[in-house]
């Protein structure tokens, strides 16, 4: 940020100033992201039984809001500068310095995105994307300042700044939208699909059906709960073992940490026999005539499959 403001002082370019102002947002947002990552790692307590991970969505939303505000301010300043251009100076030196900041942000952005995916952290991923796009904007700025230097058309500087401001508003809105989706516990298709694949690949005959599958994200932590239909004549021990097998299966095969709650339902022979796979069931009333595939759609419904 300091280097970019120095570059603006050196060249007088308003487009470079917009990049420097946007870096203020980077610093503030990254500072809050640092705190939110620390807070999300704090263990659960009596007041926060699901942990503190939701702070990550709030952090991403704040970062998006700051980016939008910066974009709006830059837009109006750039409109003014378009009709009141200033003379530039030291443009070659400015281009070299900007190129250096672009390389630094490019490397940092990639590292944050990679670690964010490894840790399933929306904060690290969002901050990484933000800093990576900042690097791209700096590269475009270098090209734009080069055009100004060789053509002496100073209005290009303000036009570039206007373009960046609109992109900042769009980028900020995307982050805010993603944050609101997380805070509102919207469905998480990628996680649902991965869990659906794990269950289908390891399906047991006594798992008559699974339904009411729900996913909630608390930062890097993911909470899963569902209902499983088991034979009504199972003892409490058999039911516990079946539930524990599913929990172990998901925790061992999923890429991130899961917290799992499973509710067991008894089967209803008159209705469940038609799709129950237990070949030697002692209370079977009807033949198994249906092979109902498990999909995100029927696993997520709050009803047994025969009612679908």
C-alpha atoms as a PDB file:
ATOM      1  CA  UNK A   1       0.000   0.000   0.000  1.00  0.00           C
ATOM      2  CA  UNK A   2       2.808   2.371   0.926  1.00  0.00           C
ATOM      3  CA  UNK A   3       4.660   1.629  -2.301  1.00  0.00           C
ATOM      4  CA  UNK A   4       1.557   2.339  -4.380  1.00  0.00           C
ATOM      5  CA  UNK A   5       0.932   5.701  -2.691  1.00  0.00           C
ATOM      6  CA  UNK A   6       4.575   6.567  -3.277  1.00  0.00           C
ATOM      7  CA  UNK A   7       4.110   5.641  -6.958  1.00  0.00           C
ATOM      8  CA  UNK A   8       1.099   7.967  -7.170  1.00  0.00           C
ATOM      9  CA  UNK A   9       3.184  10.774  -5.608  1.00  0.00           C
ATOM     10  CA  UNK A  10       5.933  10.011  -8.109  1.00  0.00           C
ATOM     11  CA  UNK A  11       3.728   9.987 -11.222  1.00  0.00           C
ATOM     12  CA  UNK A  12       0.542  11.909 -10.392  1.00  0.00           C
ATOM     13  CA  UNK A  13      -1.562   9.171 -12.035  1.00  0.00           C
ATOM     14  CA  UNK A  14      -5.124   8.989 -10.736  1.00  0.00           C
ATOM     15  CA  UNK A  15      -5.428   5.400 -11.950  1.00  0.00           C
ATOM     16  CA  UNK A  16      -2.481   4.500  -9.731  1.00  0.00           C
ATOM     17  CA  UNK A  17      -4.172   6.400  -6.902  1.00  0.00           C
ATOM     18  CA  UNK A  18      -7.271   4.198  -7.304  1.00  0.00           C
ATOM     19  CA  UNK A  19      -5.055   1.130  -7.001  1.00  0.00           C
ATOM     20  CA  UNK A  20      -3.448   2.588  -3.862  1.00  0.00           C
ATOM     21  CA  UNK A  21      -6.825   3.443  -2.296  1.00  0.00           C
ATOM     22  CA  UNK A  22      -8.039  -0.085  -3.023  1.00  0.00           C
ATOM     23  CA  UNK A  23      -4.956  -1.327  -1.158  1.00  0.00           C
ATOM     24  CA  UNK A  24      -6.251   0.446   1.964  1.00  0.00           C
ATOM     25  CA  UNK A  25      -9.258  -1.859   1.706  1.00  0.00           C
ATOM     26  CA  UNK A  26      -6.855  -4.804   1.351  1.00  0.00           C
ATOM     27  CA  UNK A  27      -5.061  -3.886   4.568  1.00  0.00           C
ATOM     28  CA  UNK A  28      -8.229  -3.251   6.600  1.00  0.00           C
ATOM     29  CA  UNK A  29      -9.973  -6.355   5.272  1.00  0.00           C
ATOM     30  CA  UNK A  30      -6.924  -8.551   5.810  1.00  0.00           C
ATOM     31  CA  UNK A  31      -6.595  -7.258   9.350  1.00  0.00           C
ATOM     32  CA  UNK A  32     -10.182  -8.190  10.108  1.00  0.00           C
ATOM     33  CA  UNK A  33      -9.681 -11.512   8.313  1.00  0.00           C
ATOM     34  CA  UNK A  34      -6.694 -12.207  10.564  1.00  0.00           C
ATOM     35  CA  UNK A  35      -8.857 -11.627  13.641  1.00  0.00           C
ATOM     36  CA  UNK A  36     -11.761 -13.676  12.264  1.00  0.00           C
ATOM     37  CA  UNK A  37      -9.477 -16.650  11.545  1.00  0.00           C
ATOM     38  CA  UNK A  38      -8.172 -16.452  15.108  1.00  0.00           C
ATOM     39  CA  UNK A  39     -11.723 -16.235  16.498  1.00  0.00           C
ATOM     40  CA  UNK A  40     -13.021 -19.089  14.328  1.00  0.00           C
ATOM     41  CA  UNK A  41     -10.266 -21.324  15.729  1.00  0.00           C
ATOM     42  CA  UNK A  42     -11.401 -20.733  19.327  1.00  0.00           C
ATOM     43  CA  UNK A  43     -12.973 -23.946  20.709  1.00  0.00           C
ATOM     44  CA  UNK A  44     -16.721 -24.225  21.269  1.00  0.00           C
ATOM     45  CA  UNK A  45     -18.086 -22.902  24.528  1.00  0.00           C
ATOM     46  CA  UNK A  46     -21.423 -22.644  26.327  1.00  0.00           C
ATOM     47  CA  UNK A  47     -22.405 -19.503  24.454  1.00  0.00           C
ATOM     48  CA  UNK A  48     -21.281 -20.829  21.062  1.00  0.00           C
ATOM     49  CA  UNK A  49     -22.097 -24.568  20.934  1.00  0.00           C
ATOM     50  CA  UNK A  50     -21.384 -24.705  17.190  1.00  0.00           C
ATOM     51  CA  UNK A  51     -18.127 -22.797  17.465  1.00  0.00           C
ATOM     52  CA  UNK A  52     -17.175 -19.348  16.197  1.00  0.00           C
ATOM     53  CA  UNK A  53     -16.726 -20.145  12.501  1.00  0.00           C
ATOM     54  CA  UNK A  54     -19.605 -17.941  11.303  1.00  0.00           C
ATOM     55  CA  UNK A  55     -17.350 -14.923  11.860  1.00  0.00           C
ATOM     56  CA  UNK A  56     -15.596 -15.870   8.618  1.00  0.00           C
ATOM     57  CA  UNK A  57     -18.741 -15.139   6.583  1.00  0.00           C
ATOM     58  CA  UNK A  58     -19.113 -11.790   8.329  1.00  0.00           C
ATOM     59  CA  UNK A  59     -15.468 -11.003   7.578  1.00  0.00           C
ATOM     60  CA  UNK A  60     -15.905 -11.823   3.890  1.00  0.00           C
ATOM     61  CA  UNK A  61     -19.033  -9.650   3.787  1.00  0.00           C
ATOM     62  CA  UNK A  62     -17.216  -6.730   5.414  1.00  0.00           C
ATOM     63  CA  UNK A  63     -14.392  -7.057   2.897  1.00  0.00           C
ATOM     64  CA  UNK A  64     -16.904  -7.018   0.064  1.00  0.00           C
ATOM     65  CA  UNK A  65     -18.667  -3.932   1.453  1.00  0.00           C
ATOM     66  CA  UNK A  66     -15.358  -2.059   1.788  1.00  0.00           C
ATOM     67  CA  UNK A  67     -14.452  -2.933  -1.788  1.00  0.00           C
ATOM     68  CA  UNK A  68     -17.816  -1.622  -3.012  1.00  0.00           C
ATOM     69  CA  UNK A  69     -17.431   1.642  -1.090  1.00  0.00           C
ATOM     70  CA  UNK A  70     -13.929   2.132  -2.480  1.00  0.00           C
ATOM     71  CA  UNK A  71     -15.241   1.453  -5.990  1.00  0.00           C
ATOM     72  CA  UNK A  72     -18.000   4.054  -5.685  1.00  0.00           C
ATOM     73  CA  UNK A  73     -15.627   6.728  -4.330  1.00  0.00           C
ATOM     74  CA  UNK A  74     -13.071   5.994  -7.053  1.00  0.00           C
ATOM     75  CA  UNK A  75     -15.765   6.180  -9.750  1.00  0.00           C
ATOM     76  CA  UNK A  76     -16.845   9.722  -8.880  1.00  0.00           C
ATOM     77  CA  UNK A  77     -13.267  10.911  -8.423  1.00  0.00           C
ATOM     78  CA  UNK A  78     -12.359   9.453 -11.818  1.00  0.00           C
ATOM     79  CA  UNK A  79     -15.287  11.198 -13.525  1.00  0.00           C
ATOM     80  CA  UNK A  80     -14.014  14.500 -12.120  1.00  0.00           C
ATOM     81  CA  UNK A  81     -10.459  13.757 -13.239  1.00  0.00           C
ATOM     82  CA  UNK A  82     -11.641  12.841 -16.739  1.00  0.00           C
ATOM     83  CA  UNK A  83     -12.668  16.450 -17.301  1.00  0.00           C
ATOM     84  CA  UNK A  84      -9.846  17.928 -15.221  1.00  0.00           C
ATOM     85  CA  UNK A  85      -6.746  15.974 -16.310  1.00  0.00           C
ATOM     86  CA  UNK A  86      -3.345  16.556 -14.713  1.00  0.00           C
ATOM     87  CA  UNK A  87       0.144  16.297 -16.157  1.00  0.00           C
ATOM     88  CA  UNK A  88       2.029  13.080 -15.433  1.00  0.00           C
ATOM     89  CA  UNK A  89       5.689  12.590 -14.621  1.00  0.00           C
ATOM     90  CA  UNK A  90       8.175   9.763 -14.049  1.00  0.00           C
ATOM     91  CA  UNK A  91       5.914   7.239 -15.775  1.00  0.00           C
ATOM     92  CA  UNK A  92       8.642   4.657 -16.635  1.00  0.00           C
ATOM     93  CA  UNK A  93       9.734   4.501 -12.992  1.00  0.00           C
ATOM     94  CA  UNK A  94       6.101   4.227 -11.926  1.00  0.00           C
ATOM     95  CA  UNK A  95       5.510   1.299 -14.276  1.00  0.00           C
ATOM     96  CA  UNK A  96       8.492  -0.616 -12.850  1.00  0.00           C
ATOM     97  CA  UNK A  97       7.358  -0.094  -9.262  1.00  0.00           C
ATOM     98  CA  UNK A  98       3.796  -1.145 -10.113  1.00  0.00           C
ATOM     99  CA  UNK A  99       5.087  -4.274 -11.808  1.00  0.00           C
ATOM    100  CA  UNK A 100       6.936  -5.169  -8.595  1.00  0.00           C
ATOM    101  CA  UNK A 101       3.768  -4.781  -6.482  1.00  0.00           C
ATOM    102  CA  UNK A 102       1.851  -6.908  -9.002  1.00  0.00           C
ATOM    103  CA  UNK A 103       4.352  -9.771  -8.652  1.00  0.00           C
ATOM    104  CA  UNK A 104       4.192  -9.637  -4.838  1.00  0.00           C
ATOM    105  CA  UNK A 105       0.370  -9.630  -4.780  1.00  0.00           C
ATOM    106  CA  UNK A 106       0.200 -12.341  -7.453  1.00  0.00           C
ATOM    107  CA  UNK A 107       2.288 -14.731  -5.323  1.00  0.00           C
ATOM    108  CA  UNK A 108       0.450 -13.807  -2.099  1.00  0.00           C
ATOM    109  CA  UNK A 109      -2.969 -14.212  -3.717  1.00  0.00           C
ATOM    110  CA  UNK A 110      -2.166 -17.697  -5.035  1.00  0.00           C
ATOM    111  CA  UNK A 111      -0.765 -18.811  -1.665  1.00  0.00           C
ATOM    112  CA  UNK A 112      -3.875 -17.603   0.177  1.00  0.00           C
ATOM    113  CA  UNK A 113      -6.249 -19.319  -2.256  1.00  0.00           C
ATOM    114  CA  UNK A 114      -4.337 -22.610  -2.092  1.00  0.00           C
ATOM    115  CA  UNK A 115      -4.230 -22.602   1.726  1.00  0.00           C
ATOM    116  CA  UNK A 116      -7.864 -21.478   1.870  1.00  0.00           C
ATOM    117  CA  UNK A 117      -8.968 -24.505  -0.162  1.00  0.00           C
ATOM    118  CA  UNK A 118      -6.821 -26.838   1.945  1.00  0.00           C
ATOM    119  CA  UNK A 119      -8.335 -25.458   5.172  1.00  0.00           C
ATOM    120  CA  UNK A 120     -11.843 -24.912   3.746  1.00  0.00           C
ATOM    121  CA  UNK A 121     -11.642 -21.253   4.846  1.00  0.00           C
ATOM    122  CA  UNK A 122     -13.868 -18.767   3.005  1.00  0.00           C
ATOM    123  CA  UNK A 123     -11.855 -15.901   4.537  1.00  0.00           C
ATOM    124  CA  UNK A 124      -8.534 -17.054   3.102  1.00  0.00           C
ATOM    125  CA  UNK A 125     -10.101 -17.858  -0.263  1.00  0.00           C
ATOM    126  CA  UNK A 126     -11.876 -14.477  -0.450  1.00  0.00           C
ATOM    127  CA  UNK A 127      -8.799 -12.546   0.616  1.00  0.00           C
ATOM    128  CA  UNK A 128      -6.689 -14.519  -1.842  1.00  0.00           C
ATOM    129  CA  UNK A 129      -9.065 -13.768  -4.714  1.00  0.00           C
ATOM    130  CA  UNK A 130      -9.176 -10.117  -3.718  1.00  0.00           C
ATOM    131  CA  UNK A 131      -5.390  -9.763  -3.633  1.00  0.00           C
ATOM    132  CA  UNK A 132      -5.011 -11.791  -6.834  1.00  0.00           C
ATOM    133  CA  UNK A 133      -7.429  -9.462  -8.675  1.00  0.00           C
ATOM    134  CA  UNK A 134      -5.468  -6.542  -7.225  1.00  0.00           C
ATOM    135  CA  UNK A 135      -2.374  -7.994  -8.903  1.00  0.00           C
ATOM    136  CA  UNK A 136      -4.227  -8.274 -12.211  1.00  0.00           C
ATOM    137  CA  UNK A 137      -5.430  -4.681 -11.917  1.00  0.00           C
ATOM    138  CA  UNK A 138      -1.842  -3.558 -11.338  1.00  0.00           C
ATOM    139  CA  UNK A 139      -0.728  -5.366 -14.499  1.00  0.00           C
ATOM    140  CA  UNK A 140      -3.482  -3.646 -16.488  1.00  0.00           C
ATOM    141  CA  UNK A 141      -2.430  -0.359 -14.909  1.00  0.00           C
ATOM    142  CA  UNK A 142       1.150  -0.873 -16.055  1.00  0.00           C
ATOM    143  CA  UNK A 143      -0.121  -1.370 -19.602  1.00  0.00           C
ATOM    144  CA  UNK A 144      -2.421   1.646 -19.332  1.00  0.00           C
ATOM    145  CA  UNK A 145       0.282   3.931 -17.958  1.00  0.00           C
ATOM    146  CA  UNK A 146       2.521   2.702 -20.781  1.00  0.00           C
ATOM    147  CA  UNK A 147      -0.124   3.744 -23.330  1.00  0.00           C
ATOM    148  CA  UNK A 148      -0.369   7.181 -21.696  1.00  0.00           C
ATOM    149  CA  UNK A 149       3.424   7.504 -21.794  1.00  0.00           C
ATOM    150  CA  UNK A 150       3.699   6.666 -25.496  1.00  0.00           C
ATOM    151  CA  UNK A 151       0.528   8.428 -26.738  1.00  0.00           C
ATOM    152  CA  UNK A 152       0.314  11.337 -24.279  1.00  0.00           C
ATOM    153  CA  UNK A 153      -3.484  10.870 -24.133  1.00  0.00           C
ATOM    154  CA  UNK A 154      -3.927  11.615 -20.441  1.00  0.00           C
ATOM    155  CA  UNK A 155      -7.677  10.832 -20.430  1.00  0.00           C
ATOM    156  CA  UNK A 156      -6.809   7.133 -20.727  1.00  0.00           C
ATOM    157  CA  UNK A 157      -5.697   7.273 -17.087  1.00  0.00           C
ATOM    158  CA  UNK A 158      -9.163   8.340 -15.870  1.00  0.00           C
ATOM    159  CA  UNK A 159     -10.930   5.875 -18.191  1.00  0.00           C
ATOM    160  CA  UNK A 160      -8.857   3.049 -16.692  1.00  0.00           C
ATOM    161  CA  UNK A 161      -9.709   4.250 -13.194  1.00  0.00           C
ATOM    162  CA  UNK A 162     -13.438   4.258 -14.045  1.00  0.00           C
ATOM    163  CA  UNK A 163     -13.158   0.707 -15.364  1.00  0.00           C
ATOM    164  CA  UNK A 164     -11.410  -0.438 -12.199  1.00  0.00           C
ATOM    165  CA  UNK A 165     -14.006   1.243  -9.991  1.00  0.00           C
ATOM    166  CA  UNK A 166     -16.839  -0.629 -11.727  1.00  0.00           C
ATOM    167  CA  UNK A 167     -14.946  -3.895 -11.394  1.00  0.00           C
ATOM    168  CA  UNK A 168     -14.387  -3.213  -7.670  1.00  0.00           C
ATOM    169  CA  UNK A 169     -18.126  -2.692  -7.150  1.00  0.00           C
ATOM    170  CA  UNK A 170     -18.891  -5.963  -8.948  1.00  0.00           C
ATOM    171  CA  UNK A 171     -16.185  -7.866  -7.049  1.00  0.00           C
ATOM    172  CA  UNK A 172     -17.350  -6.455  -3.710  1.00  0.00           C
ATOM    173  CA  UNK A 173     -20.972  -7.329  -4.435  1.00  0.00           C
ATOM    174  CA  UNK A 174     -19.954 -10.929  -5.229  1.00  0.00           C
ATOM    175  CA  UNK A 175     -18.213 -11.242  -1.862  1.00  0.00           C
ATOM    176  CA  UNK A 176     -21.185  -9.758   0.010  1.00  0.00           C
ATOM    177  CA  UNK A 177     -23.550 -12.138  -1.789  1.00  0.00           C
ATOM    178  CA  UNK A 178     -21.398 -15.145  -0.902  1.00  0.00           C
ATOM    179  CA  UNK A 179     -21.229 -13.975   2.704  1.00  0.00           C
ATOM    180  CA  UNK A 180     -25.009 -13.591   2.993  1.00  0.00           C
ATOM    181  CA  UNK A 181     -25.512 -17.059   1.470  1.00  0.00           C
ATOM    182  CA  UNK A 182     -23.236 -18.524   4.151  1.00  0.00           C
ATOM    183  CA  UNK A 183     -24.859 -16.610   7.008  1.00  0.00           C
ATOM    184  CA  UNK A 184     -28.320 -17.704   5.827  1.00  0.00           C
ATOM    185  CA  UNK A 185     -27.241 -21.378   5.804  1.00  0.00           C
ATOM    186  CA  UNK A 186     -28.065 -21.811   2.127  1.00  0.00           C
ATOM    187  CA  UNK A 187     -27.595 -25.255   0.604  1.00  0.00           C
ATOM    188  CA  UNK A 188     -24.013 -26.207  -0.177  1.00  0.00           C
ATOM    189  CA  UNK A 189     -24.202 -28.254  -3.419  1.00  0.00           C
ATOM    190  CA  UNK A 190     -20.519 -29.228  -3.534  1.00  0.00           C
ATOM    191  CA  UNK A 191     -20.550 -30.691  -0.024  1.00  0.00           C
ATOM    192  CA  UNK A 192     -23.913 -32.409  -0.603  1.00  0.00           C
ATOM    193  CA  UNK A 193     -22.608 -33.982  -3.811  1.00  0.00           C
ATOM    194  CA  UNK A 194     -19.441 -35.238  -2.134  1.00  0.00           C
ATOM    195  CA  UNK A 195     -21.379 -36.759   0.786  1.00  0.00           C
ATOM    196  CA  UNK A 196     -23.913 -38.268  -1.619  1.00  0.00           C
ATOM    197  CA  UNK A 197     -21.069 -39.940  -3.535  1.00  0.00           C
ATOM    198  CA  UNK A 198     -19.535 -41.341  -0.336  1.00  0.00           C
ATOM    199  CA  UNK A 199     -22.876 -42.787   0.820  1.00  0.00           C
ATOM    200  CA  UNK A 200     -23.677 -44.342  -2.555  1.00  0.00           C
ATOM    201  CA  UNK A 201     -20.246 -45.926  -2.911  1.00  0.00           C
ATOM    202  CA  UNK A 202     -20.493 -47.519   0.553  1.00  0.00           C
ATOM    203  CA  UNK A 203     -24.227 -48.170   0.823  1.00  0.00           C
ATOM    204  CA  UNK A 204     -25.255 -51.010   3.183  1.00  0.00           C
ATOM    205  CA  UNK A 205     -28.377 -53.126   2.756  1.00  0.00           C
ATOM    206  CA  UNK A 206     -29.636 -52.289   6.247  1.00  0.00           C
ATOM    207  CA  UNK A 207     -29.532 -48.551   5.483  1.00  0.00           C
ATOM    208  CA  UNK A 208     -33.087 -48.651   4.175  1.00  0.00           C
ATOM    209  CA  UNK A 209     -33.055 -44.964   3.354  1.00  0.00           C
ATOM    210  CA  UNK A 210     -31.430 -41.713   4.366  1.00  0.00           C
ATOM    211  CA  UNK A 211     -33.367 -38.470   4.272  1.00  0.00           C
ATOM    212  CA  UNK A 212     -33.494 -34.919   5.659  1.00  0.00           C
ATOM    213  CA  UNK A 213     -29.775 -34.497   4.929  1.00  0.00           C
ATOM    214  CA  UNK A 214     -28.715 -30.956   5.828  1.00  0.00           C
ATOM    215  CA  UNK A 215     -25.405 -29.121   5.720  1.00  0.00           C
ATOM    216  CA  UNK A 216     -24.390 -26.087   7.770  1.00  0.00           C
ATOM    217  CA  UNK A 217     -21.034 -24.375   7.492  1.00  0.00           C
ATOM    218  CA  UNK A 218     -19.379 -22.669  10.447  1.00  0.00           C
ATOM    219  CA  UNK A 219     -16.259 -21.283   8.833  1.00  0.00           C
ATOM    220  CA  UNK A 220     -13.984 -24.232   8.105  1.00  0.00           C
ATOM    221  CA  UNK A 221     -16.191 -26.560  10.171  1.00  0.00           C
ATOM    222  CA  UNK A 222     -19.109 -28.365   8.559  1.00  0.00           C
ATOM    223  CA  UNK A 223     -22.116 -29.663  10.482  1.00  0.00           C
ATOM    224  CA  UNK A 224     -24.084 -32.517   8.921  1.00  0.00           C
ATOM    225  CA  UNK A 225     -27.327 -33.986  10.193  1.00  0.00           C
ATOM    226  CA  UNK A 226     -29.696 -36.507   8.639  1.00  0.00           C
ATOM    227  CA  UNK A 227     -32.235 -39.250   9.361  1.00  0.00           C
ATOM    228  CA  UNK A 228     -31.627 -42.914   8.618  1.00  0.00           C
ATOM    229  CA  UNK A 229     -34.299 -45.586   8.381  1.00  0.00           C
ATOM    230  CA  UNK A 230     -33.291 -48.901   9.989  1.00  0.00           C
ATOM    231  CA  UNK A 231     -35.194 -52.153  10.655  1.00  0.00           C
ATOM    232  CA  UNK A 232     -37.670 -51.547  13.463  1.00  0.00           C
ATOM    233  CA  UNK A 233     -36.622 -54.722  15.272  1.00  0.00           C
ATOM    234  CA  UNK A 234     -33.018 -53.570  15.762  1.00  0.00           C
ATOM    235  CA  UNK A 235     -31.807 -53.364  19.353  1.00  0.00           C
ATOM    236  CA  UNK A 236     -30.449 -50.099  20.655  1.00  0.00           C
ATOM    237  CA  UNK A 237     -26.926 -51.489  20.278  1.00  0.00           C
ATOM    238  CA  UNK A 238     -27.486 -52.454  16.631  1.00  0.00           C
ATOM    239  CA  UNK A 239     -28.949 -49.045  15.905  1.00  0.00           C
ATOM    240  CA  UNK A 240     -26.005 -47.316  17.577  1.00  0.00           C
ATOM    241  CA  UNK A 241     -23.524 -49.407  15.578  1.00  0.00           C
ATOM    242  CA  UNK A 242     -25.252 -48.606  12.287  1.00  0.00           C
ATOM    243  CA  UNK A 243     -25.241 -44.870  13.050  1.00  0.00           C
ATOM    244  CA  UNK A 244     -21.615 -44.983  14.138  1.00  0.00           C
ATOM    245  CA  UNK A 245     -20.638 -46.771  10.912  1.00  0.00           C
ATOM    246  CA  UNK A 246     -22.073 -43.905   8.863  1.00  0.00           C
ATOM    247  CA  UNK A 247     -20.337 -41.298  11.012  1.00  0.00           C
ATOM    248  CA  UNK A 248     -16.988 -43.090  10.654  1.00  0.00           C
ATOM    249  CA  UNK A 249     -17.511 -43.500   6.919  1.00  0.00           C
ATOM    250  CA  UNK A 250     -18.125 -39.790   6.355  1.00  0.00           C
ATOM    251  CA  UNK A 251     -15.373 -38.509   8.647  1.00  0.00           C
ATOM    252  CA  UNK A 252     -12.788 -40.859   7.116  1.00  0.00           C
ATOM    253  CA  UNK A 253     -13.632 -40.131   3.485  1.00  0.00           C
ATOM    254  CA  UNK A 254     -14.570 -36.447   3.489  1.00  0.00           C
ATOM    255  CA  UNK A 255     -11.834 -33.940   2.729  1.00  0.00           C
ATOM    256  CA  UNK A 256     -12.547 -31.650   5.716  1.00  0.00           C
ATOM    257  CA  UNK A 257     -13.614 -32.015   9.347  1.00  0.00           C
ATOM    258  CA  UNK A 258     -17.257 -32.898   9.902  1.00  0.00           C
ATOM    259  CA  UNK A 259     -19.552 -32.776  12.895  1.00  0.00           C
ATOM    260  CA  UNK A 260     -22.334 -35.333  12.345  1.00  0.00           C
ATOM    261  CA  UNK A 261     -25.706 -35.833  14.038  1.00  0.00           C
ATOM    262  CA  UNK A 262     -27.817 -38.776  12.831  1.00  0.00           C
ATOM    263  CA  UNK A 263     -31.394 -39.505  13.903  1.00  0.00           C
ATOM    264  CA  UNK A 264     -32.587 -43.117  13.528  1.00  0.00           C
ATOM    265  CA  UNK A 265     -36.133 -43.878  12.298  1.00  0.00           C
ATOM    266  CA  UNK A 266     -37.784 -47.343  12.416  1.00  0.00           C
ATOM    267  CA  UNK A 267     -38.939 -48.843   9.146  1.00  0.00           C
ATOM    268  CA  UNK A 268     -42.637 -49.319   8.363  1.00  0.00           C
ATOM    269  CA  UNK A 269     -42.877 -52.785   6.757  1.00  0.00           C
ATOM    270  CA  UNK A 270     -46.014 -52.125   4.762  1.00  0.00           C
ATOM    271  CA  UNK A 271     -44.307 -49.206   3.019  1.00  0.00           C
ATOM    272  CA  UNK A 272     -40.544 -49.776   3.237  1.00  0.00           C
ATOM    273  CA  UNK A 273     -40.406 -53.440   2.141  1.00  0.00           C
ATOM    274  CA  UNK A 274     -40.790 -52.480  -1.520  1.00  0.00           C
ATOM    275  CA  UNK A 275     -37.340 -50.840  -1.569  1.00  0.00           C
ATOM    276  CA  UNK A 276     -35.624 -52.530   1.398  1.00  0.00           C
ATOM    277  CA  UNK A 277     -32.519 -54.479   0.301  1.00  0.00           C
ATOM    278  CA  UNK A 278     -32.275 -56.819   3.314  1.00  0.00           C
ATOM    279  CA  UNK A 279     -32.602 -60.245   1.683  1.00  0.00           C
ATOM    280  CA  UNK A 280     -33.186 -62.289   4.852  1.00  0.00           C
ATOM    281  CA  UNK A 281     -35.466 -59.843   6.688  1.00  0.00           C
ATOM    282  CA  UNK A 282     -37.563 -61.877   9.181  1.00  0.00           C
ATOM    283  CA  UNK A 283     -40.549 -59.512   9.025  1.00  0.00           C
ATOM    284  CA  UNK A 284     -40.704 -58.778   5.288  1.00  0.00           C
ATOM    285  CA  UNK A 285     -44.287 -58.307   4.066  1.00  0.00           C
ATOM    286  CA  UNK A 286     -43.645 -57.452   0.407  1.00  0.00           C
ATOM    287  CA  UNK A 287     -40.938 -58.211  -2.143  1.00  0.00           C
ATOM    288  CA  UNK A 288     -38.288 -55.623  -2.933  1.00  0.00           C
ATOM    289  CA  UNK A 289     -39.404 -54.273  -6.307  1.00  0.00           C
ATOM    290  CA  UNK A 290     -37.871 -50.787  -6.312  1.00  0.00           C
ATOM    291  CA  UNK A 291     -34.260 -49.705  -6.522  1.00  0.00           C
ATOM    292  CA  UNK A 292     -34.342 -46.075  -5.435  1.00  0.00           C
ATOM    293  CA  UNK A 293     -31.046 -44.333  -6.225  1.00  0.00           C
ATOM    294  CA  UNK A 294     -29.785 -41.905  -3.612  1.00  0.00           C
ATOM    295  CA  UNK A 295     -29.457 -38.400  -4.983  1.00  0.00           C
ATOM    296  CA  UNK A 296     -29.133 -34.934  -3.515  1.00  0.00           C
ATOM    297  CA  UNK A 297     -32.826 -34.386  -4.223  1.00  0.00           C
ATOM    298  CA  UNK A 298     -34.231 -37.365  -2.302  1.00  0.00           C
ATOM    299  CA  UNK A 299     -31.578 -37.382   0.425  1.00  0.00           C
ATOM    300  CA  UNK A 300     -32.405 -33.759   1.233  1.00  0.00           C
ATOM    301  CA  UNK A 301     -36.168 -34.234   1.497  1.00  0.00           C
ATOM    302  CA  UNK A 302     -37.641 -34.359   4.987  1.00  0.00           C
ATOM    303  CA  UNK A 303     -39.552 -37.575   4.309  1.00  0.00           C
ATOM    304  CA  UNK A 304     -38.955 -41.276   3.782  1.00  0.00           C
ATOM    305  CA  UNK A 305     -38.427 -42.308   0.185  1.00  0.00           C
ATOM    306  CA  UNK A 306     -41.716 -44.139  -0.200  1.00  0.00           C
ATOM    307  CA  UNK A 307     -43.500 -40.819   0.256  1.00  0.00           C
ATOM    308  CA  UNK A 308     -41.517 -39.120  -2.498  1.00  0.00           C
END
